[in-house]
Amino acid sequence: MSWPTFDRPPVAAFVDVDGTLLAQTTTLLFARILRRRGLIKRSFVLRALFHGLQHRFGRLDYGMLIAFGLKNIARIPVVELERIAYDNFVEFVRPRLYEGVVEHLNQLRQSGTAVVLVSSSPGIVIEPLSLYLGCTDTITTPVIIERGRLVGIGSGPPCYGEGKLYWAERWAEEHGISMDDSVAYADNWSDRALLQRVGTAVVVHPHRKLQQMAKARGWYIVCPRRPRASVRGELDR
């Protein structure tokens, strides 16, 4: 099934990133480019790959992951991380966007829908993608920046699992938007709280448990074609 069309445009679209918009984990791609530039150790990339697999099966302790990640990049100035994140987007994120993603989100925006990315990945990593897609806003795990460096996690839950629903509901309340009039896009079992809360849900390439839930609840199920960009051999580049 292709990307859905709606008789009545949703007021807001809360859109997950990894596995939903592209066939890869943005944090892992970012870790790899940091490794290639000699800014982190290979063990960090392997750890990120392991946590990516945990996320795929809905068993990720995201709080532990982000604490580990921040510890490893705390010495790198935020301005440098932002430049690398842009390079990462151009070289590795944009080529991995599923077919039809850009066109579909453009149609939503043109119909008046507020498009909001909701991602567990750090805001620095996601922001270039958000700008490229013309998103209204971006929701990620809050972090603390001191003296131009990332030093810790901000208040509130990580933007993962139930945390995505927490931050999406908070954003909707601040902007006077009803969750019942909104749509959510996601690919992972861990995203089910957000999918269940909105009026319309779209699941992308779901695995068995989420696919069963989607069928039972009458949600949209879409399986866009994966891009041709290969990930083979990137770990050692």
Protein backbone atom coordinates (compact mmCIF):
# COMPACT_ATOMS: atom_id res chain seq x y z
CA MET A 1 0.00 0.00 0.00
CA SER A 2 1.26 3.49 -0.85
CA TRP A 3 1.26 6.47 1.49
CA PRO A 4 -2.33 7.24 2.54
CA THR A 5 -4.54 10.11 1.50
CA PHE A 6 -7.10 11.58 3.89
CA ASP A 7 -10.59 12.84 3.09
CA ARG A 8 -10.16 15.33 5.91
CA PRO A 9 -6.59 16.53 6.44
CA PRO A 10 -5.35 15.89 10.00
CA VAL A 11 -4.57 18.95 12.08
CA ALA A 12 -1.16 17.58 12.99
CA ALA A 13 1.03 14.66 11.93
CA PHE A 14 3.40 13.23 14.53
CA VAL A 15 6.04 11.40 12.52
CA ASP A 16 8.63 8.97 13.86
CA VAL A 17 11.95 8.94 11.95
CA ASP A 18 14.02 5.74 12.21
CA GLY A 19 12.39 2.95 10.23
CA THR A 20 9.42 5.19 9.40
CA LEU A 21 10.96 7.74 7.06
CA LEU A 22 14.18 5.92 6.23
CA ALA A 23 15.52 2.40 6.26
CA GLN A 24 18.18 2.94 8.91
CA THR A 25 18.84 4.35 12.39
CA THR A 26 19.92 7.99 12.24
CA THR A 27 21.95 7.76 15.43
CA LEU A 28 23.89 4.80 14.06
CA LEU A 29 24.63 6.69 10.84
CA PHE A 30 25.80 9.65 12.91
CA ALA A 31 28.01 7.41 15.05
CA ARG A 32 29.61 6.00 11.91
CA ILE A 33 30.51 9.39 10.49
CA LEU A 34 31.94 10.43 13.86
CA ARG A 35 34.02 7.26 13.82
CA ARG A 36 35.28 7.88 10.30
CA ARG A 37 36.44 11.33 11.39
CA GLY A 38 38.29 9.90 14.36
CA LEU A 39 36.07 11.53 16.99
CA ILE A 40 34.84 8.36 18.71
CA LYS A 41 36.09 4.82 19.16
CA ARG A 42 34.91 1.83 17.14
CA SER A 43 33.40 0.36 20.32
CA PHE A 44 30.90 3.26 20.34
CA VAL A 45 29.65 2.33 16.87
CA LEU A 46 29.32 -1.31 17.86
CA ARG A 47 27.36 -0.26 20.95
CA ALA A 48 25.09 1.91 18.80
CA LEU A 49 24.53 -1.01 16.42
CA PHE A 50 23.59 -3.26 19.35
CA HIS A 51 21.10 -0.72 20.69
CA GLY A 52 19.68 -0.32 17.19
CA LEU A 53 18.84 -4.02 17.19
CA GLN A 54 17.25 -3.66 20.63
CA HIS A 55 15.10 -0.82 19.30
CA ARG A 56 13.99 -2.94 16.37
CA PHE A 57 12.53 -5.49 18.78
CA GLY A 58 11.14 -2.91 21.20
CA ARG A 59 13.53 -3.68 24.07
CA LEU A 60 15.71 -0.58 24.13
CA ASP A 61 16.60 1.17 27.39
CA TYR A 62 16.85 4.56 25.75
CA GLY A 63 17.80 6.42 28.89
CA MET A 64 20.90 4.24 29.21
CA LEU A 65 21.73 4.66 25.52
CA ILE A 66 21.58 8.44 25.48
CA ALA A 67 23.60 8.69 28.70
CA PHE A 68 26.27 6.51 27.10
CA GLY A 69 26.20 8.55 23.91
CA LEU A 70 26.47 11.94 25.60
CA LYS A 71 29.40 10.73 27.69
CA ASN A 72 31.28 9.84 24.53
CA ILE A 73 30.69 13.12 22.67
CA ALA A 74 30.66 15.60 25.56
CA ARG A 75 34.13 16.85 24.61
CA ILE A 76 33.05 17.74 21.04
CA PRO A 77 31.72 21.32 20.61
CA VAL A 78 28.05 21.49 19.66
CA VAL A 79 28.84 23.68 16.66
CA GLU A 80 31.11 20.95 15.28
CA LEU A 81 28.47 18.29 15.93
CA GLU A 82 25.95 20.40 14.02
CA ARG A 83 28.25 20.64 11.00
CA ILE A 84 28.86 16.90 11.04
CA ALA A 85 25.12 16.25 11.40
CA TYR A 86 24.51 18.24 8.22
CA ASP A 87 27.18 16.25 6.37
CA ASN A 88 25.65 13.05 7.73
CA PHE A 89 22.23 14.09 6.44
CA VAL A 90 23.49 14.87 2.95
CA GLU A 91 25.65 11.77 2.57
CA PHE A 92 23.75 9.10 4.46
CA VAL A 93 20.30 10.11 5.69
CA ARG A 94 18.69 11.72 2.65
CA PRO A 95 19.68 8.85 0.29
CA ARG A 96 17.91 6.42 2.63
CA LEU A 97 14.50 8.12 2.73
CA TYR A 98 11.76 5.77 1.62
CA GLU A 99 10.26 6.42 -1.79
CA GLY A 100 7.40 8.91 -1.66
CA VAL A 101 8.22 10.30 1.79
CA VAL A 102 9.04 13.83 0.63
CA GLU A 103 6.04 14.04 -1.68
CA HIS A 104 3.65 12.70 0.96
CA LEU A 105 4.78 15.11 3.67
CA ASN A 106 4.67 17.97 1.16
CA GLN A 107 1.04 17.12 0.47
CA LEU A 108 0.26 17.12 4.18
CA ARG A 109 1.88 20.52 4.66
CA GLN A 110 0.09 21.97 1.64
CA SER A 111 -3.23 20.77 3.07
CA GLY A 112 -2.54 22.70 6.28
CA THR A 113 -1.31 19.84 8.46
CA ALA A 114 1.41 20.67 10.99
CA VAL A 115 4.15 18.08 10.41
CA VAL A 116 6.10 17.32 13.59
CA LEU A 117 9.01 14.90 13.76
CA VAL A 118 9.01 12.86 16.98
CA SER A 119 12.30 11.04 17.41
CA SER A 120 14.42 9.43 20.08
CA SER A 121 17.54 10.52 18.19
CA PRO A 122 19.28 13.70 19.44
CA GLY A 123 17.91 16.96 18.09
CA ILE A 124 21.27 17.81 16.53
CA VAL A 125 21.04 14.68 14.38
CA ILE A 126 17.40 15.22 13.36
CA GLU A 127 17.35 18.97 12.68
CA PRO A 128 18.82 18.84 9.13
CA LEU A 129 16.15 16.31 8.13
CA SER A 130 13.42 18.42 9.72
CA LEU A 131 14.55 21.50 7.77
CA TYR A 132 14.75 19.54 4.53
CA LEU A 133 11.20 18.22 4.97
CA GLY A 134 9.86 21.64 5.94
CA CYS A 135 8.52 20.39 9.26
CA THR A 136 6.61 22.64 11.60
CA ASP A 137 8.55 21.44 14.62
CA THR A 138 10.81 18.70 15.95
CA ILE A 139 10.35 16.81 19.21
CA THR A 140 13.37 14.98 20.62
CA THR A 141 14.80 14.10 24.01
CA PRO A 142 15.71 17.38 25.77
CA VAL A 143 19.40 17.79 26.49
CA ILE A 144 21.50 20.21 28.53
CA ILE A 145 24.15 22.31 26.80
CA GLU A 146 26.81 24.04 28.86
CA ARG A 147 29.71 26.05 27.45
CA GLY A 148 28.86 24.87 23.96
CA ARG A 149 28.86 21.15 24.79
CA LEU A 150 26.23 18.49 25.45
CA VAL A 151 26.52 17.50 29.10
CA GLY A 152 23.34 15.63 30.00
CA ILE A 153 19.65 14.89 29.59
CA GLY A 154 17.09 17.56 30.36
CA SER A 155 13.98 17.23 32.51
CA GLY A 156 11.17 14.92 31.51
CA PRO A 157 11.24 11.41 30.03
CA PRO A 158 13.38 10.45 27.03
CA CYS A 159 11.46 10.77 23.76
CA TYR A 160 11.11 7.02 23.38
CA GLY A 161 8.20 4.66 23.94
CA GLU A 162 5.71 6.25 26.35
CA GLY A 163 7.95 9.32 26.29
CA LYS A 164 6.97 10.03 22.67
CA LEU A 165 3.34 10.21 23.71
CA TYR A 166 4.22 12.45 26.66
CA TRP A 167 6.04 14.99 24.50
CA ALA A 168 3.51 14.81 21.63
CA GLU A 169 0.60 15.46 24.00
CA ARG A 170 2.49 18.32 25.61
CA TRP A 171 3.21 19.86 22.19
CA ALA A 172 -0.43 19.45 21.13
CA GLU A 173 -1.69 21.10 24.31
CA GLU A 174 0.70 24.04 23.91
CA HIS A 175 -0.50 24.58 20.33
CA GLY A 176 -4.21 24.03 20.98
CA ILE A 177 -4.34 20.88 18.86
CA SER A 178 -6.51 17.84 19.49
CA MET A 179 -4.78 14.47 19.43
CA ASP A 180 -8.05 12.98 18.16
CA ASP A 181 -7.75 15.15 15.04
CA SER A 182 -4.13 14.15 14.48
CA VAL A 183 -2.29 11.31 12.75
CA ALA A 184 0.81 9.44 13.89
CA TYR A 185 3.32 7.54 11.76
CA ALA A 186 5.61 4.91 13.28
CA ASP A 187 7.21 1.54 12.61
CA ASN A 188 8.02 0.04 16.00
CA TRP A 189 6.15 -1.78 18.75
CA SER A 190 7.60 0.70 21.23
CA ASP A 191 5.60 3.46 19.47
CA ARG A 192 2.22 1.88 20.14
CA ALA A 193 1.22 4.35 22.91
CA LEU A 194 1.41 7.28 20.49
CA LEU A 195 -0.30 5.33 17.71
CA GLN A 196 -3.18 4.39 20.00
CA ARG A 197 -3.70 7.95 21.22
CA VAL A 198 -4.27 9.74 17.90
CA GLY A 199 -7.36 9.68 15.74
CA THR A 200 -5.52 8.10 12.78
CA ALA A 201 -2.50 5.81 12.84
CA VAL A 202 -0.13 4.80 10.04
CA VAL A 203 2.41 2.01 10.54
CA VAL A 204 5.36 1.58 8.20
CA HIS A 205 6.98 -1.79 7.49
CA PRO A 206 5.67 -3.13 10.83
CA HIS A 207 6.97 -6.31 12.40
CA ARG A 208 4.59 -9.06 13.49
CA LYS A 209 3.21 -7.70 16.78
CA LEU A 210 2.62 -4.20 15.49
CA GLN A 211 1.21 -5.51 12.23
CA GLN A 212 -1.30 -7.63 14.14
CA MET A 213 -2.33 -4.63 16.24
CA ALA A 214 -2.66 -2.45 13.14
CA LYS A 215 -4.89 -4.97 11.38
CA ALA A 216 -7.06 -5.43 14.46
CA ARG A 217 -7.53 -1.67 14.87
CA GLY A 218 -7.93 -0.84 11.19
CA TRP A 219 -4.82 1.31 10.96
CA TYR A 220 -3.11 2.15 7.71
CA ILE A 221 -0.24 -0.21 6.88
CA VAL A 222 2.26 1.05 4.31
CA CYS A 223 5.37 -0.61 2.95
CA PRO A 224 7.15 1.96 0.76
CA ARG A 225 10.02 0.80 -1.40
CA ARG A 226 13.39 0.96 0.28
CA PRO A 227 16.07 3.10 -1.39
CA ARG A 228 19.02 1.53 -3.14
CA ALA A 229 21.62 3.10 -0.84
CA SER A 230 23.73 0.29 0.56
CA VAL A 231 24.90 0.11 4.16
CA ARG A 232 27.40 -2.65 3.54
CA GLY A 233 30.91 -1.95 4.66
CA GLU A 234 30.11 1.40 6.31
CA LEU A 235 31.18 0.16 9.71
CA ASP A 236 34.79 -0.05 8.61
CA ARG A 237 34.99 3.10 6.49
